[in-house]
C-alpha cells in the first residue's frame, strides 16, 4: 500500500474539516430558519388578536406581525422598511401636561390592570396604504374614555377613538398615514381637543 505524502494528508484533513464545518453551519442555519418559520406560523397577520403573546399577566404585541414583517422596535424607536428606505419613528407623549411622564408607559407590553395607562403605536401597510395603529390598555380606557384621534398635515382630521378590542384589556384604532419621505407631524391620540390642550394626555408617533 502506497504511503500518502504528509503534505497531501494534511491538505486532505483540512478539506474534510472544512466540509464538516460548512455542513454544521448549514444545519444550524436550516434549523434556525425552520424554528423561525414555525414560530411565525402562529401569527395571522390579518387578525389583530393573533399579534399578541401572553406574557405572565401581560400581553406583548409582536412587532413583526403587527407591522407585516416590516418593522422592528428597539430603544424606544420603531424602524420601518419601505422598499429601499428605512424610516425611524419616534414617540412623543405627555400625561396631564407633563412631557415624557413616567405615569404613562409607551411600550408594546401591556399590563392591563396595574393602574398605569399604557399605549403604543405601530405602522403597517394594508393594500398599499400605510396605517398608524394605536393600542391602549384598560387603564387608559377607564381614565380617558373620551380619547380622540387626530391626523393630517395640520391635524385637520379627527375622530373618536373606537376602542376596538385587540385582546382582553387591550384596545386599538387605526388611521391612514399619508405622509411621504418628508414627514410632517404624526398621528396622535389623547384626551385633548382643539379648544383645550393644556394639562392633557397624548401619544404621537413621528
N, C-alpha and C. Protein backbone atom coordinates (compact mmCIF):
# COMPACT_ATOMS: atom_id res chain seq x y z
N UNK A 1 0.84 -1.19 0.00
CA UNK A 1 0.00 0.00 0.00
C UNK A 1 0.89 1.25 0.00
N UNK A 2 0.59 2.14 -0.98
CA UNK A 2 1.43 3.34 -1.11
C UNK A 2 1.15 4.32 0.02
N UNK A 3 2.18 4.90 0.50
CA UNK A 3 2.04 5.88 1.59
C UNK A 3 1.73 7.26 1.01
N UNK A 4 0.67 7.92 1.59
CA UNK A 4 0.28 9.26 1.14
C UNK A 4 1.28 10.27 1.69
N UNK A 5 1.81 11.13 0.80
CA UNK A 5 2.75 12.16 1.28
C UNK A 5 2.13 12.99 2.40
N UNK A 6 2.98 13.41 3.33
CA UNK A 6 2.48 14.11 4.51
C UNK A 6 1.74 15.38 4.16
N UNK A 7 2.21 16.16 3.22
CA UNK A 7 1.56 17.43 2.89
C UNK A 7 0.19 17.20 2.27
N UNK A 8 0.05 16.10 1.51
CA UNK A 8 -1.24 15.79 0.92
C UNK A 8 -2.23 15.31 1.98
N UNK A 9 -1.70 14.57 2.96
CA UNK A 9 -2.56 14.11 4.06
C UNK A 9 -3.08 15.28 4.87
N UNK A 10 -2.24 16.26 5.13
CA UNK A 10 -2.65 17.45 5.86
C UNK A 10 -3.71 18.21 5.07
N UNK A 11 -3.48 18.31 3.77
CA UNK A 11 -4.46 19.01 2.91
C UNK A 11 -5.79 18.30 2.91
N UNK A 12 -5.74 16.94 2.84
CA UNK A 12 -6.98 16.16 2.83
C UNK A 12 -7.76 16.36 4.13
N UNK A 13 -7.07 16.37 5.25
CA UNK A 13 -7.73 16.56 6.54
C UNK A 13 -8.35 17.95 6.64
N UNK A 14 -7.66 18.94 6.07
CA UNK A 14 -8.19 20.31 6.09
C UNK A 14 -9.46 20.41 5.26
N UNK A 15 -9.45 19.72 4.11
CA UNK A 15 -10.63 19.73 3.25
C UNK A 15 -11.81 19.08 3.95
N UNK A 16 -11.54 17.93 4.59
CA UNK A 16 -12.60 17.23 5.32
C UNK A 16 -13.14 18.09 6.46
N UNK A 17 -12.21 18.74 7.19
CA UNK A 17 -12.62 19.60 8.30
C UNK A 17 -13.46 20.77 7.78
N UNK A 18 -13.08 21.31 6.62
CA UNK A 18 -13.84 22.40 6.03
C UNK A 18 -15.24 21.98 5.63
N UNK A 19 -15.34 20.79 5.02
CA UNK A 19 -16.65 20.26 4.62
C UNK A 19 -17.54 20.05 5.84
N UNK A 20 -16.95 19.51 6.90
CA UNK A 20 -17.72 19.28 8.13
C UNK A 20 -18.20 20.61 8.72
N UNK A 21 -17.31 21.60 8.73
CA UNK A 21 -17.68 22.91 9.29
C UNK A 21 -18.81 23.55 8.50
N UNK A 22 -18.70 23.50 7.17
CA UNK A 22 -19.76 24.06 6.32
C UNK A 22 -21.07 23.33 6.54
N UNK A 23 -20.99 22.00 6.66
CA UNK A 23 -22.19 21.19 6.87
C UNK A 23 -22.86 21.56 8.19
N UNK A 24 -22.04 21.76 9.22
CA UNK A 24 -22.59 22.13 10.53
C UNK A 24 -23.28 23.49 10.46
N UNK A 25 -22.64 24.45 9.74
CA UNK A 25 -23.23 25.78 9.60
C UNK A 25 -24.55 25.70 8.85
N UNK A 26 -24.60 24.90 7.80
CA UNK A 26 -25.84 24.74 7.02
C UNK A 26 -26.94 24.16 7.88
N UNK A 27 -26.61 23.15 8.69
CA UNK A 27 -27.61 22.53 9.57
C UNK A 27 -28.12 23.53 10.59
N UNK A 28 -27.20 24.34 11.16
CA UNK A 28 -27.60 25.34 12.16
C UNK A 28 -28.52 26.38 11.53
N UNK A 29 -28.13 26.87 10.34
CA UNK A 29 -28.95 27.88 9.67
C UNK A 29 -30.31 27.31 9.27
N UNK A 30 -30.34 26.08 8.78
CA UNK A 30 -31.61 25.45 8.41
C UNK A 30 -32.50 25.27 9.63
N UNK A 31 -31.90 24.87 10.74
CA UNK A 31 -32.68 24.69 11.97
C UNK A 31 -33.23 26.02 12.48
N UNK A 32 -32.39 27.06 12.41
CA UNK A 32 -32.83 28.38 12.85
C UNK A 32 -33.96 28.88 11.97
N UNK A 33 -33.85 28.68 10.65
CA UNK A 33 -34.90 29.11 9.74
C UNK A 33 -36.19 28.35 9.99
N UNK A 34 -36.08 27.04 10.21
CA UNK A 34 -37.27 26.23 10.48
C UNK A 34 -37.95 26.68 11.77
N UNK A 35 -37.13 26.94 12.80
CA UNK A 35 -37.70 27.41 14.07
C UNK A 35 -38.38 28.75 13.90
N UNK A 36 -37.74 29.64 13.15
CA UNK A 36 -38.32 30.97 12.91
C UNK A 36 -39.65 30.86 12.18
N UNK A 37 -39.68 30.06 11.12
CA UNK A 37 -40.91 29.91 10.34
C UNK A 37 -42.02 29.29 11.18
N UNK A 38 -41.67 28.33 12.03
CA UNK A 38 -42.66 27.69 12.91
C UNK A 38 -43.19 28.68 13.94
N UNK A 39 -42.28 29.52 14.48
CA UNK A 39 -42.71 30.49 15.49
C UNK A 39 -43.59 31.57 14.88
N UNK A 40 -43.33 31.94 13.61
CA UNK A 40 -44.12 32.95 12.94
C UNK A 40 -45.46 32.41 12.44
N UNK A 41 -45.54 31.09 12.26
CA UNK A 41 -46.75 30.49 11.70
C UNK A 41 -47.97 30.69 12.59
N UNK A 42 -47.74 30.91 13.88
CA UNK A 42 -48.88 31.08 14.80
C UNK A 42 -49.53 32.45 14.66
N UNK A 43 -48.86 33.38 13.95
CA UNK A 43 -49.41 34.72 13.79
C UNK A 43 -50.19 34.83 12.48
N UNK A 44 -51.42 35.28 12.58
CA UNK A 44 -52.20 35.61 11.40
C UNK A 44 -52.05 37.12 11.20
N UNK A 45 -51.32 37.53 10.18
CA UNK A 45 -51.00 38.93 10.01
C UNK A 45 -52.24 39.79 9.77
N UNK A 46 -53.37 39.16 9.43
CA UNK A 46 -54.60 39.91 9.19
C UNK A 46 -55.55 39.89 10.39
N UNK A 47 -55.17 39.20 11.45
CA UNK A 47 -56.02 39.07 12.64
C UNK A 47 -55.33 39.77 13.81
N UNK A 48 -55.87 40.89 14.21
CA UNK A 48 -55.25 41.70 15.26
C UNK A 48 -55.03 40.92 16.55
N UNK A 49 -55.95 40.05 16.89
CA UNK A 49 -55.83 39.30 18.14
C UNK A 49 -54.60 38.41 18.16
N UNK A 50 -54.22 37.90 16.99
CA UNK A 50 -53.09 36.97 16.94
C UNK A 50 -51.74 37.68 17.01
N UNK A 51 -51.74 39.00 17.01
CA UNK A 51 -50.48 39.73 17.09
C UNK A 51 -49.91 39.76 18.50
N UNK A 52 -50.65 39.25 19.46
CA UNK A 52 -50.25 39.34 20.87
C UNK A 52 -49.83 37.99 21.43
N UNK A 53 -48.82 38.04 22.31
CA UNK A 53 -48.38 36.87 23.06
C UNK A 53 -48.68 37.11 24.53
N UNK A 54 -49.19 36.08 25.19
CA UNK A 54 -49.44 36.18 26.64
C UNK A 54 -48.12 36.04 27.37
N UNK A 55 -47.80 37.01 28.19
CA UNK A 55 -46.55 37.01 28.94
C UNK A 55 -46.86 37.26 30.41
N UNK A 56 -47.08 36.17 31.15
CA UNK A 56 -47.48 36.30 32.54
C UNK A 56 -48.84 36.95 32.64
N UNK A 57 -48.92 38.06 33.36
CA UNK A 57 -50.18 38.78 33.48
C UNK A 57 -50.30 39.90 32.46
N UNK A 58 -49.43 39.89 31.44
CA UNK A 58 -49.40 40.95 30.44
C UNK A 58 -49.58 40.37 29.03
N UNK A 59 -49.83 41.27 28.09
CA UNK A 59 -49.89 40.90 26.68
C UNK A 59 -48.80 41.67 25.93
N UNK A 60 -48.00 40.94 25.17
CA UNK A 60 -46.94 41.56 24.39
C UNK A 60 -47.31 41.62 22.92
N UNK A 61 -47.22 42.81 22.34
CA UNK A 61 -47.51 42.98 20.92
C UNK A 61 -46.29 42.54 20.11
N UNK A 62 -46.47 41.58 19.20
CA UNK A 62 -45.39 41.14 18.34
C UNK A 62 -45.19 42.16 17.22
N UNK A 63 -44.04 42.82 17.21
CA UNK A 63 -43.79 43.89 16.25
C UNK A 63 -43.74 43.37 14.83
N UNK A 64 -43.14 42.21 14.63
CA UNK A 64 -43.03 41.65 13.29
C UNK A 64 -44.41 41.41 12.69
N UNK A 65 -45.31 40.82 13.47
CA UNK A 65 -46.66 40.53 12.97
C UNK A 65 -47.47 41.81 12.78
N UNK A 66 -47.37 42.73 13.73
CA UNK A 66 -48.21 43.93 13.67
C UNK A 66 -47.78 44.89 12.56
N UNK A 67 -46.53 44.76 12.09
CA UNK A 67 -46.05 45.64 11.02
C UNK A 67 -45.93 44.90 9.68
N UNK A 68 -46.52 43.73 9.60
CA UNK A 68 -46.43 42.92 8.37
C UNK A 68 -44.98 42.60 8.02
N UNK A 69 -44.17 42.37 9.04
CA UNK A 69 -42.79 41.99 8.83
C UNK A 69 -41.87 43.12 8.41
N UNK A 70 -42.32 44.36 8.53
CA UNK A 70 -41.53 45.49 8.04
C UNK A 70 -40.94 46.34 9.16
N UNK A 71 -41.26 46.03 10.41
CA UNK A 71 -40.83 46.90 11.50
C UNK A 71 -40.04 46.19 12.57
N UNK A 72 -39.31 46.99 13.34
CA UNK A 72 -38.55 46.50 14.49
C UNK A 72 -38.52 47.60 15.54
N UNK A 73 -38.76 47.22 16.79
CA UNK A 73 -38.78 48.19 17.89
C UNK A 73 -37.57 47.98 18.77
N UNK A 74 -36.79 49.05 18.96
CA UNK A 74 -35.59 48.96 19.78
C UNK A 74 -35.26 50.33 20.36
N UNK A 75 -34.93 50.35 21.64
CA UNK A 75 -34.51 51.59 22.32
C UNK A 75 -35.52 52.71 22.14
N UNK A 76 -36.81 52.36 22.20
CA UNK A 76 -37.85 53.38 22.13
C UNK A 76 -38.13 53.91 20.74
N UNK A 77 -37.57 53.28 19.71
CA UNK A 77 -37.75 53.74 18.33
C UNK A 77 -38.26 52.60 17.46
N UNK A 78 -39.18 52.92 16.57
CA UNK A 78 -39.70 51.95 15.61
C UNK A 78 -39.02 52.17 14.26
N UNK A 79 -38.24 51.19 13.81
CA UNK A 79 -37.65 51.26 12.47
C UNK A 79 -38.58 50.53 11.51
N UNK A 80 -38.75 51.09 10.32
CA UNK A 80 -39.77 50.59 9.40
C UNK A 80 -39.21 50.64 7.98
N UNK A 81 -39.23 49.50 7.29
CA UNK A 81 -38.71 49.41 5.94
C UNK A 81 -39.80 49.68 4.91
N UNK A 82 -39.48 50.55 3.97
CA UNK A 82 -40.36 50.80 2.83
C UNK A 82 -39.51 50.76 1.57
N UNK A 83 -39.50 49.62 0.89
CA UNK A 83 -38.66 49.48 -0.29
C UNK A 83 -37.19 49.62 0.07
N UNK A 84 -36.51 50.57 -0.56
CA UNK A 84 -35.09 50.78 -0.30
C UNK A 84 -34.84 51.74 0.86
N UNK A 85 -35.90 52.23 1.48
CA UNK A 85 -35.76 53.21 2.55
C UNK A 85 -36.10 52.61 3.91
N UNK A 86 -35.37 53.07 4.92
CA UNK A 86 -35.69 52.72 6.30
C UNK A 86 -36.06 54.00 7.04
N UNK A 87 -37.24 53.99 7.64
CA UNK A 87 -37.71 55.15 8.39
C UNK A 87 -37.64 54.85 9.88
N UNK A 88 -37.31 55.87 10.63
CA UNK A 88 -37.30 55.75 12.09
C UNK A 88 -38.43 56.60 12.65
N UNK A 89 -39.32 55.95 13.39
CA UNK A 89 -40.42 56.64 14.02
C UNK A 89 -40.14 56.75 15.52
N UNK A 90 -40.32 57.95 16.04
CA UNK A 90 -40.11 58.17 17.47
C UNK A 90 -41.45 58.50 18.12
N UNK A 91 -41.49 58.35 19.43
CA UNK A 91 -42.73 58.55 20.18
C UNK A 91 -42.60 59.79 21.06
N UNK A 92 -43.66 60.57 21.05
CA UNK A 92 -43.77 61.72 21.94
C UNK A 92 -45.03 61.54 22.77
N UNK A 93 -44.95 61.90 24.04
CA UNK A 93 -46.14 61.75 24.87
C UNK A 93 -46.10 62.70 26.06
N UNK A 94 -47.27 62.91 26.59
CA UNK A 94 -47.42 63.71 27.81
C UNK A 94 -48.56 63.12 28.62
N UNK A 95 -48.45 63.25 29.92
CA UNK A 95 -49.52 62.79 30.81
C UNK A 95 -49.97 63.96 31.66
N UNK A 96 -51.20 64.38 31.44
CA UNK A 96 -51.76 65.53 32.15
C UNK A 96 -50.85 66.74 32.05
N UNK A 97 -50.29 66.92 30.85
CA UNK A 97 -49.45 68.08 30.58
C UNK A 97 -47.97 67.88 30.84
N UNK A 98 -47.59 66.81 31.52
CA UNK A 98 -46.18 66.56 31.82
C UNK A 98 -45.55 65.76 30.69
N UNK A 99 -44.59 66.36 29.99
CA UNK A 99 -43.95 65.73 28.85
C UNK A 99 -43.11 64.53 29.30
N UNK A 100 -43.24 63.42 28.56
CA UNK A 100 -42.47 62.19 28.83
C UNK A 100 -42.64 61.72 30.28
N UNK A 101 -43.84 61.82 30.79
CA UNK A 101 -44.12 61.45 32.18
C UNK A 101 -44.01 59.94 32.38
N UNK A 102 -43.48 59.55 33.54
CA UNK A 102 -43.40 58.14 33.89
C UNK A 102 -44.76 57.57 34.29
N UNK A 103 -45.75 58.44 34.41
CA UNK A 103 -47.10 57.98 34.76
C UNK A 103 -47.85 57.44 33.55
N UNK A 104 -47.23 57.50 32.39
CA UNK A 104 -47.78 56.93 31.17
C UNK A 104 -46.67 56.10 30.52
N UNK A 105 -46.93 54.83 30.25
CA UNK A 105 -45.92 53.93 29.70
C UNK A 105 -46.15 53.74 28.20
N UNK A 106 -45.10 53.96 27.40
CA UNK A 106 -45.15 53.71 25.97
C UNK A 106 -44.35 52.44 25.71
N UNK A 107 -45.05 51.36 25.43
CA UNK A 107 -44.39 50.07 25.31
C UNK A 107 -45.31 49.08 24.60
N UNK A 108 -44.75 48.10 23.87
CA UNK A 108 -45.59 47.06 23.27
C UNK A 108 -46.01 45.97 24.26
N UNK A 109 -45.63 46.13 25.52
CA UNK A 109 -46.03 45.19 26.57
C UNK A 109 -47.10 45.84 27.43
N UNK A 110 -48.28 45.20 27.50
CA UNK A 110 -49.43 45.81 28.17
C UNK A 110 -49.79 45.04 29.44
N UNK A 111 -49.65 45.72 30.59
CA UNK A 111 -50.17 45.22 31.86
C UNK A 111 -51.53 45.89 32.04
N UNK A 112 -52.57 45.16 31.79
CA UNK A 112 -53.88 45.79 31.57
C UNK A 112 -54.58 46.27 32.83
N UNK A 113 -54.12 45.84 34.00
CA UNK A 113 -54.83 46.25 35.22
C UNK A 113 -53.85 46.60 36.34
N UNK A 114 -52.81 47.36 36.00
CA UNK A 114 -51.85 47.75 37.04
C UNK A 114 -52.04 49.18 37.49
N UNK A 115 -53.07 49.84 36.96
CA UNK A 115 -53.36 51.21 37.37
C UNK A 115 -52.57 52.27 36.63
N UNK A 116 -51.69 51.85 35.70
CA UNK A 116 -50.88 52.79 34.93
C UNK A 116 -51.29 52.73 33.47
N UNK A 117 -51.73 53.84 32.88
CA UNK A 117 -52.11 53.82 31.45
C UNK A 117 -50.91 53.45 30.59
N UNK A 118 -51.16 52.61 29.59
CA UNK A 118 -50.11 52.18 28.67
C UNK A 118 -50.60 52.35 27.24
N UNK A 119 -49.69 52.70 26.35
CA UNK A 119 -50.06 52.91 24.94
C UNK A 119 -48.88 52.59 24.05
N UNK A 120 -49.20 52.34 22.79
CA UNK A 120 -48.15 52.07 21.80
C UNK A 120 -48.73 52.35 20.42
N UNK A 121 -47.85 52.57 19.45
CA UNK A 121 -48.28 52.79 18.06
C UNK A 121 -47.36 52.02 17.13
N UNK A 122 -47.93 51.46 16.07
CA UNK A 122 -47.16 50.72 15.07
C UNK A 122 -47.63 51.11 13.68
N UNK A 123 -46.75 50.97 12.72
CA UNK A 123 -47.08 51.25 11.33
C UNK A 123 -47.21 49.94 10.56
N UNK A 124 -48.13 49.90 9.59
CA UNK A 124 -48.23 48.73 8.73
C UNK A 124 -48.92 49.10 7.42
N UNK A 125 -48.60 48.34 6.39
CA UNK A 125 -49.22 48.54 5.09
C UNK A 125 -50.37 47.56 4.90
N UNK A 126 -51.47 48.08 4.37
CA UNK A 126 -52.62 47.27 4.01
C UNK A 126 -53.11 47.73 2.65
N UNK A 127 -53.03 46.84 1.66
CA UNK A 127 -53.44 47.18 0.30
C UNK A 127 -52.72 48.44 -0.20
N UNK A 128 -51.41 48.47 -0.01
CA UNK A 128 -50.54 49.55 -0.48
C UNK A 128 -50.77 50.87 0.25
N UNK A 129 -51.54 50.86 1.31
CA UNK A 129 -51.78 52.07 2.10
C UNK A 129 -51.18 51.91 3.48
N UNK A 130 -50.46 52.93 3.95
CA UNK A 130 -49.85 52.86 5.28
C UNK A 130 -50.82 53.37 6.33
N UNK A 131 -50.92 52.60 7.40
CA UNK A 131 -51.79 52.97 8.52
C UNK A 131 -50.97 53.06 9.81
N UNK A 132 -51.40 53.96 10.67
CA UNK A 132 -50.87 54.03 12.03
C UNK A 132 -51.88 53.34 12.95
N UNK A 133 -51.42 52.31 13.64
CA UNK A 133 -52.24 51.60 14.61
C UNK A 133 -51.88 52.08 16.01
N UNK A 134 -52.88 52.49 16.77
CA UNK A 134 -52.68 52.88 18.16
C UNK A 134 -53.30 51.84 19.08
N UNK A 135 -52.56 51.45 20.10
CA UNK A 135 -53.02 50.47 21.08
C UNK A 135 -52.99 51.11 22.47
N UNK A 136 -54.03 50.86 23.26
CA UNK A 136 -54.08 51.33 24.65
C UNK A 136 -54.61 50.21 25.53
N UNK A 137 -54.36 50.34 26.82
CA UNK A 137 -54.82 49.27 27.72
C UNK A 137 -56.08 49.70 28.49
N UNK A 138 -56.52 48.81 29.36
CA UNK A 138 -57.75 49.03 30.13
C UNK A 138 -57.65 50.25 31.02
N UNK A 139 -56.46 50.47 31.57
CA UNK A 139 -56.27 51.64 32.46
C UNK A 139 -56.45 52.94 31.69
N UNK A 140 -55.94 52.97 30.46
CA UNK A 140 -56.14 54.15 29.61
C UNK A 140 -57.63 54.35 29.36
N UNK A 141 -58.31 53.30 28.97
CA UNK A 141 -59.73 53.41 28.62
C UNK A 141 -60.56 53.92 29.80
N UNK A 142 -60.26 53.42 31.00
CA UNK A 142 -61.01 53.86 32.18
C UNK A 142 -60.73 55.32 32.51
N UNK A 143 -59.49 55.73 32.35
CA UNK A 143 -59.10 57.09 32.72
C UNK A 143 -59.46 58.12 31.65
N UNK A 144 -59.42 57.67 30.37
CA UNK A 144 -59.65 58.61 29.26
C UNK A 144 -60.64 58.02 28.26
N UNK A 145 -61.88 57.83 28.66
CA UNK A 145 -62.87 57.21 27.75
C UNK A 145 -63.22 58.10 26.55
N UNK A 146 -62.91 59.39 26.64
CA UNK A 146 -63.22 60.31 25.55
C UNK A 146 -62.01 60.59 24.66
N UNK A 147 -61.17 59.58 24.49
CA UNK A 147 -59.97 59.73 23.68
C UNK A 147 -60.31 60.06 22.23
N UNK A 148 -59.53 60.99 21.68
CA UNK A 148 -59.70 61.40 20.28
C UNK A 148 -58.45 61.01 19.49
N UNK A 149 -58.63 60.88 18.18
CA UNK A 149 -57.53 60.59 17.27
C UNK A 149 -57.45 61.73 16.24
N UNK A 150 -56.25 62.32 16.12
CA UNK A 150 -56.04 63.43 15.19
C UNK A 150 -54.97 63.05 14.17
N UNK A 151 -55.16 63.49 12.92
CA UNK A 151 -54.16 63.24 11.90
C UNK A 151 -54.32 64.25 10.75
N UNK A 152 -53.27 64.30 9.91
CA UNK A 152 -53.27 65.25 8.79
C UNK A 152 -52.11 66.22 8.90
N UNK A 153 -51.83 66.94 7.82
CA UNK A 153 -50.70 67.87 7.80
C UNK A 153 -50.80 68.94 8.89
N UNK A 154 -52.03 69.39 9.17
CA UNK A 154 -52.24 70.38 10.23
C UNK A 154 -53.31 69.86 11.20
N UNK A 155 -53.37 68.54 11.30
CA UNK A 155 -54.37 67.89 12.16
C UNK A 155 -55.79 68.36 11.82
N UNK A 156 -56.03 68.39 10.51
CA UNK A 156 -57.36 68.81 10.06
C UNK A 156 -58.41 67.71 10.20
N UNK A 157 -57.95 66.47 10.49
CA UNK A 157 -58.87 65.35 10.64
C UNK A 157 -58.92 64.88 12.09
N UNK A 158 -60.09 64.49 12.52
CA UNK A 158 -60.23 63.95 13.87
C UNK A 158 -61.41 62.99 13.94
N UNK A 159 -61.34 62.09 14.91
CA UNK A 159 -62.46 61.19 15.18
C UNK A 159 -62.30 60.64 16.59
N UNK A 160 -63.38 60.11 17.12
CA UNK A 160 -63.32 59.47 18.43
C UNK A 160 -62.56 58.14 18.31
N UNK A 161 -61.76 57.85 19.30
CA UNK A 161 -61.04 56.58 19.34
C UNK A 161 -62.05 55.46 19.54
N UNK A 162 -61.98 54.41 18.72
CA UNK A 162 -63.03 53.39 18.69
C UNK A 162 -62.94 52.35 19.80
N UNK A 163 -61.77 52.16 20.39
CA UNK A 163 -61.58 51.13 21.41
C UNK A 163 -62.02 49.76 20.91
N UNK A 164 -61.54 49.38 19.71
CA UNK A 164 -61.77 48.02 19.22
C UNK A 164 -60.92 47.06 20.05
N UNK A 165 -61.48 45.94 20.45
CA UNK A 165 -60.75 45.02 21.31
C UNK A 165 -59.73 44.22 20.51
N UNK A 166 -58.47 44.31 20.92
CA UNK A 166 -57.40 43.53 20.30
C UNK A 166 -57.10 42.29 21.11
N UNK A 167 -57.14 42.43 22.42
CA UNK A 167 -57.02 41.34 23.38
C UNK A 167 -57.78 41.78 24.61
N UNK A 168 -57.94 40.88 25.56
CA UNK A 168 -58.66 41.23 26.77
C UNK A 168 -57.92 42.35 27.49
N UNK A 169 -58.54 43.52 27.53
CA UNK A 169 -57.92 44.66 28.21
C UNK A 169 -56.99 45.47 27.34
N UNK A 170 -56.91 45.16 26.03
CA UNK A 170 -56.09 45.93 25.10
C UNK A 170 -56.98 46.34 23.92
N UNK A 171 -56.93 47.61 23.56
CA UNK A 171 -57.82 48.15 22.53
C UNK A 171 -57.01 48.88 21.46
N UNK A 172 -57.60 49.00 20.26
CA UNK A 172 -56.88 49.66 19.19
C UNK A 172 -57.81 50.46 18.29
N UNK A 173 -57.21 51.34 17.53
CA UNK A 173 -57.87 52.02 16.43
C UNK A 173 -56.77 52.34 15.42
N UNK A 174 -57.13 52.63 14.20
CA UNK A 174 -56.13 52.91 13.17
C UNK A 174 -56.58 54.08 12.31
N UNK A 175 -55.60 54.69 11.65
CA UNK A 175 -55.88 55.82 10.77
C UNK A 175 -54.86 55.81 9.65
N UNK A 176 -55.29 56.22 8.47
CA UNK A 176 -54.39 56.26 7.33
C UNK A 176 -53.33 57.33 7.53
N UNK A 177 -52.08 56.97 7.22
CA UNK A 177 -50.97 57.91 7.35
C UNK A 177 -50.43 58.19 5.95
N UNK A 178 -50.73 59.37 5.42
CA UNK A 178 -50.37 59.71 4.04
C UNK A 178 -49.05 60.44 3.92
N UNK A 179 -48.32 60.57 5.00
CA UNK A 179 -47.05 61.28 4.92
C UNK A 179 -46.05 60.52 4.04
N UNK A 180 -45.23 61.26 3.28
CA UNK A 180 -44.21 60.65 2.45
C UNK A 180 -42.87 60.65 3.15
N UNK A 181 -41.79 60.66 2.37
CA UNK A 181 -40.45 60.63 2.97
C UNK A 181 -40.17 61.91 3.75
N UNK A 182 -40.74 63.03 3.27
CA UNK A 182 -40.63 64.27 4.03
C UNK A 182 -41.88 64.34 4.91
N UNK A 183 -41.72 63.98 6.17
CA UNK A 183 -42.89 63.78 7.01
C UNK A 183 -43.22 65.02 7.82
N UNK A 184 -44.51 65.27 7.94
CA UNK A 184 -45.00 66.31 8.82
C UNK A 184 -45.29 65.71 10.19
N UNK A 185 -46.10 66.37 10.99
CA UNK A 185 -46.44 65.84 12.31
C UNK A 185 -47.20 64.54 12.18
N UNK A 186 -46.91 63.60 13.08
CA UNK A 186 -47.53 62.29 13.01
C UNK A 186 -48.89 62.24 13.68
N UNK A 187 -49.66 61.19 13.39
CA UNK A 187 -50.96 61.00 14.05
C UNK A 187 -50.79 60.93 15.56
N UNK A 188 -51.83 61.35 16.27
CA UNK A 188 -51.76 61.29 17.73
C UNK A 188 -53.13 60.95 18.31
N UNK A 189 -53.10 60.41 19.51
CA UNK A 189 -54.32 60.16 20.28
C UNK A 189 -54.19 60.86 21.62
N UNK A 190 -55.33 61.18 22.23
CA UNK A 190 -55.30 61.79 23.54
C UNK A 190 -56.66 62.27 23.98
N UNK A 191 -56.74 62.77 25.20
CA UNK A 191 -58.00 63.30 25.73
C UNK A 191 -58.10 64.80 25.51
N UNK A 192 -57.26 65.32 24.62
CA UNK A 192 -57.28 66.74 24.32
C UNK A 192 -58.30 67.04 23.22
N UNK A 193 -58.56 68.32 23.03
CA UNK A 193 -59.48 68.77 21.99
C UNK A 193 -58.87 69.98 21.31
N UNK A 194 -59.51 70.46 20.25
CA UNK A 194 -59.00 71.64 19.56
C UNK A 194 -59.05 72.87 20.47
N UNK A 195 -59.99 72.87 21.39
CA UNK A 195 -60.16 74.02 22.28
C UNK A 195 -59.26 73.92 23.51
N UNK A 196 -58.94 72.70 23.93
CA UNK A 196 -58.20 72.52 25.18
C UNK A 196 -57.07 71.54 24.99
N UNK A 197 -55.82 72.02 25.16
CA UNK A 197 -54.65 71.15 25.08
C UNK A 197 -53.83 71.16 26.38
N UNK A 198 -54.06 72.13 27.24
CA UNK A 198 -53.27 72.23 28.46
C UNK A 198 -53.62 71.12 29.44
N UNK A 199 -52.59 70.60 30.09
CA UNK A 199 -52.72 69.56 31.12
C UNK A 199 -53.49 68.35 30.61
N UNK A 200 -53.22 68.00 29.35
CA UNK A 200 -53.89 66.85 28.75
C UNK A 200 -52.88 65.73 28.47
N UNK A 201 -53.41 64.56 28.14
CA UNK A 201 -52.59 63.40 27.85
C UNK A 201 -52.65 63.09 26.36
N UNK A 202 -51.49 62.79 25.77
CA UNK A 202 -51.47 62.43 24.36
C UNK A 202 -50.28 61.51 24.06
N UNK A 203 -50.40 60.79 22.95
CA UNK A 203 -49.30 59.98 22.41
C UNK A 203 -49.24 60.25 20.91
N UNK A 204 -48.04 60.54 20.41
CA UNK A 204 -47.86 60.81 18.99
C UNK A 204 -46.71 59.98 18.45
N UNK A 205 -46.87 59.47 17.22
CA UNK A 205 -45.78 58.77 16.54
C UNK A 205 -45.31 59.64 15.39
N UNK A 206 -44.05 60.03 15.43
CA UNK A 206 -43.46 60.95 14.44
C UNK A 206 -42.41 60.24 13.59
